[in-house]
PDB file of N, CA and C in Angstrom:
ATOM      1  N   UNK A   1      43.125  -1.496 -66.611  1.00  0.00           N
ATOM      2  CA  UNK A   1      42.081  -1.683 -65.635  1.00  0.00           C
ATOM      3  C   UNK A   1      40.766  -1.901 -66.379  1.00  0.00           C
ATOM      4  N   UNK A   2      40.016  -2.902 -65.985  1.00  0.00           N
ATOM      5  CA  UNK A   2      38.718  -3.163 -66.586  1.00  0.00           C
ATOM      6  C   UNK A   2      37.642  -2.426 -65.785  1.00  0.00           C
ATOM      7  N   UNK A   3      36.830  -1.617 -66.483  1.00  0.00           N
ATOM      8  CA  UNK A   3      35.753  -0.870 -65.837  1.00  0.00           C
ATOM      9  C   UNK A   3      34.447  -1.100 -66.595  1.00  0.00           C
ATOM     10  N   UNK A   4      33.335  -0.866 -65.910  1.00  0.00           N
ATOM     11  CA  UNK A   4      32.013  -1.122 -66.471  1.00  0.00           C
ATOM     12  C   UNK A   4      31.124   0.117 -66.325  1.00  0.00           C
ATOM     13  N   UNK A   5      30.227   0.266 -67.287  1.00  0.00           N
ATOM     14  CA  UNK A   5      29.238   1.344 -67.265  1.00  0.00           C
ATOM     15  C   UNK A   5      27.864   0.719 -67.498  1.00  0.00           C
ATOM     16  N   UNK A   6      26.958   0.902 -66.552  1.00  0.00           N
ATOM     17  CA  UNK A   6      25.615   0.358 -66.682  1.00  0.00           C
ATOM     18  C   UNK A   6      24.715   1.281 -67.479  1.00  0.00           C
ATOM     19  N   UNK A   7      23.972   0.699 -68.428  1.00  0.00           N
ATOM     20  CA  UNK A   7      23.113   1.503 -69.284  1.00  0.00           C
ATOM     21  C   UNK A   7      22.034   0.633 -69.907  1.00  0.00           C
ATOM     22  N   UNK A   8      21.003   1.277 -70.400  1.00  0.00           N
ATOM     23  CA  UNK A   8      19.983   0.569 -71.181  1.00  0.00           C
ATOM     24  C   UNK A   8      20.460   0.350 -72.608  1.00  0.00           C
ATOM     25  N   UNK A   9      21.617   0.905 -72.940  1.00  0.00           N
ATOM     26  CA  UNK A   9      22.124   0.862 -74.308  1.00  0.00           C
ATOM     27  C   UNK A   9      23.545   0.300 -74.350  1.00  0.00           C
ATOM     28  N   UNK A  10      23.918  -0.243 -75.488  1.00  0.00           N
ATOM     29  CA  UNK A  10      25.301  -0.611 -75.727  1.00  0.00           C
ATOM     30  C   UNK A  10      26.021   0.664 -76.154  1.00  0.00           C
ATOM     31  N   UNK A  11      27.068   1.010 -75.429  1.00  0.00           N
ATOM     32  CA  UNK A  11      27.820   2.229 -75.708  1.00  0.00           C
ATOM     33  C   UNK A  11      29.246   1.820 -76.065  1.00  0.00           C
ATOM     34  N   UNK A  12      29.543   1.837 -77.339  1.00  0.00           N
ATOM     35  CA  UNK A  12      30.861   1.411 -77.791  1.00  0.00           C
ATOM     36  C   UNK A  12      31.945   2.441 -77.490  1.00  0.00           C
ATOM     37  N   UNK A  13      31.610   3.726 -77.649  1.00  0.00           N
ATOM     38  CA  UNK A  13      32.591   4.792 -77.406  1.00  0.00           C
ATOM     39  C   UNK A  13      31.958   5.833 -76.479  1.00  0.00           C
ATOM     40  N   UNK A  14      32.421   5.905 -75.237  1.00  0.00           N
ATOM     41  CA  UNK A  14      31.863   6.877 -74.293  1.00  0.00           C
ATOM     42  C   UNK A  14      32.053   8.315 -74.770  1.00  0.00           C
ATOM     43  N   UNK A  15      31.022   9.144 -74.561  1.00  0.00           N
ATOM     44  CA  UNK A  15      31.092  10.562 -74.903  1.00  0.00           C
ATOM     45  C   UNK A  15      30.556  11.376 -73.740  1.00  0.00           C
ATOM     46  N   UNK A  16      31.326  12.351 -73.314  1.00  0.00           N
ATOM     47  CA  UNK A  16      30.884  13.224 -72.241  1.00  0.00           C
ATOM     48  C   UNK A  16      29.732  14.098 -72.734  1.00  0.00           C
ATOM     49  N   UNK A  17      28.764  14.327 -71.856  1.00  0.00           N
ATOM     50  CA  UNK A  17      27.661  15.218 -72.171  1.00  0.00           C
ATOM     51  C   UNK A  17      26.409  14.510 -72.647  1.00  0.00           C
ATOM     52  N   UNK A  18      26.442  13.190 -72.751  1.00  0.00           N
ATOM     53  CA  UNK A  18      25.284  12.446 -73.243  1.00  0.00           C
ATOM     54  C   UNK A  18      24.454  11.838 -72.116  1.00  0.00           C
ATOM     55  N   UNK A  19      24.914  11.966 -70.879  1.00  0.00           N
ATOM     56  CA  UNK A  19      24.240  11.321 -69.754  1.00  0.00           C
ATOM     57  C   UNK A  19      23.119  12.152 -69.172  1.00  0.00           C
ATOM     58  N   UNK A  20      22.664  11.701 -68.016  1.00  0.00           N
ATOM     59  CA  UNK A  20      21.588  12.383 -67.297  1.00  0.00           C
ATOM     60  C   UNK A  20      22.176  13.499 -66.442  1.00  0.00           C
ATOM     61  N   UNK A  21      21.641  14.695 -66.554  1.00  0.00           N
ATOM     62  CA  UNK A  21      22.176  15.848 -65.823  1.00  0.00           C
ATOM     63  C   UNK A  21      21.850  15.802 -64.333  1.00  0.00           C
ATOM     64  N   UNK A  22      20.899  14.973 -63.927  1.00  0.00           N
ATOM     65  CA  UNK A  22      20.486  14.942 -62.526  1.00  0.00           C
ATOM     66  C   UNK A  22      21.140  13.806 -61.730  1.00  0.00           C
ATOM     67  N   UNK A  23      22.244  13.254 -62.194  1.00  0.00           N
ATOM     68  CA  UNK A  23      22.971  12.262 -61.407  1.00  0.00           C
ATOM     69  C   UNK A  23      23.502  12.895 -60.129  1.00  0.00           C
ATOM     70  N   UNK A  24      23.804  12.074 -59.124  1.00  0.00           N
ATOM     71  CA  UNK A  24      24.256  12.575 -57.821  1.00  0.00           C
ATOM     72  C   UNK A  24      25.432  13.538 -57.919  1.00  0.00           C
ATOM     73  N   UNK A  25      26.375  13.253 -58.801  1.00  0.00           N
ATOM     74  CA  UNK A  25      27.568  14.091 -58.929  1.00  0.00           C
ATOM     75  C   UNK A  25      27.563  14.897 -60.217  1.00  0.00           C
ATOM     76  N   UNK A  26      26.405  15.106 -60.793  1.00  0.00           N
ATOM     77  CA  UNK A  26      26.298  15.902 -62.010  1.00  0.00           C
ATOM     78  C   UNK A  26      26.518  15.081 -63.270  1.00  0.00           C
ATOM     79  N   UNK A  27      26.593  15.790 -64.365  1.00  0.00           N
ATOM     80  CA  UNK A  27      26.761  15.164 -65.671  1.00  0.00           C
ATOM     81  C   UNK A  27      28.131  14.500 -65.758  1.00  0.00           C
ATOM     82  N   UNK A  28      28.154  13.268 -66.190  1.00  0.00           N
ATOM     83  CA  UNK A  28      29.414  12.545 -66.317  1.00  0.00           C
ATOM     84  C   UNK A  28      29.171  11.156 -66.873  1.00  0.00           C
ATOM     85  N   UNK A  29      30.232  10.426 -67.090  1.00  0.00           N
ATOM     86  CA  UNK A  29      30.156   9.054 -67.572  1.00  0.00           C
ATOM     87  C   UNK A  29      30.672   8.177 -66.444  1.00  0.00           C
ATOM     88  N   UNK A  30      29.747   7.656 -65.648  1.00  0.00           N
ATOM     89  CA  UNK A  30      30.094   6.945 -64.423  1.00  0.00           C
ATOM     90  C   UNK A  30      30.453   5.495 -64.705  1.00  0.00           C
ATOM     91  N   UNK A  31      31.547   5.058 -64.115  1.00  0.00           N
ATOM     92  CA  UNK A  31      32.022   3.682 -64.291  1.00  0.00           C
ATOM     93  C   UNK A  31      32.398   3.091 -62.937  1.00  0.00           C
ATOM     94  N   UNK A  32      32.482   1.771 -62.897  1.00  0.00           N
ATOM     95  CA  UNK A  32      32.857   1.046 -61.694  1.00  0.00           C
ATOM     96  C   UNK A  32      33.653  -0.191 -62.087  1.00  0.00           C
ATOM     97  N   UNK A  33      34.416  -0.717 -61.158  1.00  0.00           N
ATOM     98  CA  UNK A  33      35.115  -1.970 -61.395  1.00  0.00           C
ATOM     99  C   UNK A  33      34.230  -3.166 -61.050  1.00  0.00           C
ATOM    100  N   UNK A  34      33.058  -2.924 -60.493  1.00  0.00           N
ATOM    101  CA  UNK A  34      32.133  -3.978 -60.070  1.00  0.00           C
ATOM    102  C   UNK A  34      31.033  -4.162 -61.116  1.00  0.00           C
ATOM    103  N   UNK A  35      31.059  -5.283 -61.825  1.00  0.00           N
ATOM    104  CA  UNK A  35      30.085  -5.528 -62.895  1.00  0.00           C
ATOM    105  C   UNK A  35      28.649  -5.575 -62.363  1.00  0.00           C
ATOM    106  N   UNK A  36      28.457  -6.108 -61.172  1.00  0.00           N
ATOM    107  CA  UNK A  36      27.103  -6.185 -60.612  1.00  0.00           C
ATOM    108  C   UNK A  36      26.557  -4.791 -60.304  1.00  0.00           C
ATOM    109  N   UNK A  37      27.410  -3.899 -59.838  1.00  0.00           N
ATOM    110  CA  UNK A  37      26.986  -2.520 -59.579  1.00  0.00           C
ATOM    111  C   UNK A  37      26.634  -1.819 -60.887  1.00  0.00           C
ATOM    112  N   UNK A  38      27.407  -2.059 -61.921  1.00  0.00           N
ATOM    113  CA  UNK A  38      27.108  -1.469 -63.234  1.00  0.00           C
ATOM    114  C   UNK A  38      25.755  -1.947 -63.741  1.00  0.00           C
ATOM    115  N   UNK A  39      25.452  -3.218 -63.555  1.00  0.00           N
ATOM    116  CA  UNK A  39      24.144  -3.745 -63.968  1.00  0.00           C
ATOM    117  C   UNK A  39      23.022  -3.062 -63.196  1.00  0.00           C
ATOM    118  N   UNK A  40      23.252  -2.834 -61.906  1.00  0.00           N
ATOM    119  CA  UNK A  40      22.249  -2.167 -61.069  1.00  0.00           C
ATOM    120  C   UNK A  40      22.030  -0.730 -61.537  1.00  0.00           C
ATOM    121  N   UNK A  41      23.107  -0.020 -61.864  1.00  0.00           N
ATOM    122  CA  UNK A  41      22.995   1.357 -62.349  1.00  0.00           C
ATOM    123  C   UNK A  41      22.230   1.417 -63.656  1.00  0.00           C
ATOM    124  N   UNK A  42      22.375   0.410 -64.481  1.00  0.00           N
ATOM    125  CA  UNK A  42      21.746   0.416 -65.797  1.00  0.00           C
ATOM    126  C   UNK A  42      20.267   0.093 -65.763  1.00  0.00           C
ATOM    127  N   UNK A  43      19.809  -0.498 -64.674  1.00  0.00           N
ATOM    128  CA  UNK A  43      18.414  -0.930 -64.575  1.00  0.00           C
ATOM    129  C   UNK A  43      17.510   0.276 -64.345  1.00  0.00           C
ATOM    130  N   UNK A  44      16.500   0.421 -65.201  1.00  0.00           N
ATOM    131  CA  UNK A  44      15.580   1.546 -65.087  1.00  0.00           C
ATOM    132  C   UNK A  44      14.181   1.075 -65.482  1.00  0.00           C
ATOM    133  N   UNK A  45      13.261   1.144 -64.566  1.00  0.00           N
ATOM    134  CA  UNK A  45      11.871   0.766 -64.830  1.00  0.00           C
ATOM    135  C   UNK A  45      11.714  -0.679 -65.283  1.00  0.00           C
ATOM    136  N   UNK A  46      12.573  -1.564 -64.789  1.00  0.00           N
ATOM    137  CA  UNK A  46      12.438  -2.979 -65.106  1.00  0.00           C
ATOM    138  C   UNK A  46      12.841  -3.364 -66.516  1.00  0.00           C
ATOM    139  N   UNK A  47      13.472  -2.458 -67.248  1.00  0.00           N
ATOM    140  CA  UNK A  47      13.901  -2.761 -68.604  1.00  0.00           C
ATOM    141  C   UNK A  47      15.225  -3.501 -68.589  1.00  0.00           C
ATOM    142  N   UNK A  48      15.569  -4.135 -69.687  1.00  0.00           N
ATOM    143  CA  UNK A  48      16.859  -4.807 -69.792  1.00  0.00           C
ATOM    144  C   UNK A  48      17.989  -3.797 -69.701  1.00  0.00           C
ATOM    145  N   UNK A  49      19.105  -4.262 -69.181  1.00  0.00           N
ATOM    146  CA  UNK A  49      20.247  -3.376 -69.043  1.00  0.00           C
ATOM    147  C   UNK A  49      21.498  -4.048 -69.591  1.00  0.00           C
ATOM    148  N   UNK A  50      22.537  -3.236 -69.785  1.00  0.00           N
ATOM    149  CA  UNK A  50      23.820  -3.722 -70.270  1.00  0.00           C
ATOM    150  C   UNK A  50      24.899  -3.264 -69.302  1.00  0.00           C
ATOM    151  N   UNK A  51      25.925  -4.061 -69.160  1.00  0.00           N
ATOM    152  CA  UNK A  51      27.128  -3.662 -68.448  1.00  0.00           C
ATOM    153  C   UNK A  51      28.200  -3.516 -69.519  1.00  0.00           C
ATOM    154  N   UNK A  52      28.336  -2.311 -70.038  1.00  0.00           N
ATOM    155  CA  UNK A  52      29.359  -2.038 -71.046  1.00  0.00           C
ATOM    156  C   UNK A  52      30.722  -2.162 -70.385  1.00  0.00           C
ATOM    157  N   UNK A  53      31.652  -2.818 -71.054  1.00  0.00           N
ATOM    158  CA  UNK A  53      32.981  -3.066 -70.498  1.00  0.00           C
ATOM    159  C   UNK A  53      34.031  -2.294 -71.293  1.00  0.00           C
ATOM    160  N   UNK A  54      34.946  -1.656 -70.559  1.00  0.00           N
ATOM    161  CA  UNK A  54      36.011  -0.879 -71.179  1.00  0.00           C
ATOM    162  C   UNK A  54      37.340  -1.222 -70.516  1.00  0.00           C
ATOM    163  N   UNK A  55      38.404  -1.135 -71.259  1.00  0.00           N
ATOM    164  CA  UNK A  55      39.751  -1.260 -70.709  1.00  0.00           C
ATOM    165  C   UNK A  55      40.345   0.135 -70.613  1.00  0.00           C
ATOM    166  N   UNK A  56      40.638   0.553 -69.390  1.00  0.00           N
ATOM    167  CA  UNK A  56      41.187   1.879 -69.133  1.00  0.00           C
ATOM    168  C   UNK A  56      42.691   1.761 -68.945  1.00  0.00           C
ATOM    169  N   UNK A  57      43.444   2.434 -69.795  1.00  0.00           N
ATOM    170  CA  UNK A  57      44.895   2.450 -69.697  1.00  0.00           C
ATOM    171  C   UNK A  57      45.287   3.486 -68.655  1.00  0.00           C
ATOM    172  N   UNK A  58      45.829   3.053 -67.535  1.00  0.00           N
ATOM    173  CA  UNK A  58      46.190   3.940 -66.443  1.00  0.00           C
ATOM    174  C   UNK A  58      47.684   4.252 -66.388  1.00  0.00           C
ATOM    175  N   UNK A  59      48.402   3.870 -67.416  1.00  0.00           N
ATOM    176  CA  UNK A  59      49.869   3.986 -67.412  1.00  0.00           C
ATOM    177  C   UNK A  59      50.365   5.386 -67.097  1.00  0.00           C
ATOM    178  N   UNK A  60      49.806   6.412 -67.697  1.00  0.00           N
ATOM    179  CA  UNK A  60      50.292   7.784 -67.489  1.00  0.00           C
ATOM    180  C   UNK A  60      49.360   8.630 -66.624  1.00  0.00           C
ATOM    181  N   UNK A  61      48.490   7.968 -65.865  1.00  0.00           N
ATOM    182  CA  UNK A  61      47.564   8.704 -64.989  1.00  0.00           C
ATOM    183  C   UNK A  61      48.108   8.763 -63.569  1.00  0.00           C
ATOM    184  N   UNK A  62      47.815   9.846 -62.882  1.00  0.00           N
ATOM    185  CA  UNK A  62      48.119   9.939 -61.468  1.00  0.00           C
ATOM    186  C   UNK A  62      46.840   9.578 -60.734  1.00  0.00           C
ATOM    187  N   UNK A  63      46.843   8.478 -60.013  1.00  0.00           N
ATOM    188  CA  UNK A  63      45.649   7.956 -59.355  1.00  0.00           C
ATOM    189  C   UNK A  63      45.782   8.157 -57.848  1.00  0.00           C
ATOM    190  N   UNK A  64      44.770   8.779 -57.257  1.00  0.00           N
ATOM    191  CA  UNK A  64      44.776   9.002 -55.811  1.00  0.00           C
ATOM    192  C   UNK A  64      44.231   7.797 -55.091  1.00  0.00           C
TER     193      UNK A  64
END
């Protein structure tokens, strides 16, 4: 599954605990399958943003 993370930075390897603690659902590494939404999330104060792209292997995951 291809997922995206919007940020002001290029993030090659996601790490838990590096994000903003005041996000709606708390500290986490938020991703979406919608590249446009990721770009919107990454936009802050009119600065350039990135839509970091990751391939998530879901083979052994139980997905609700």
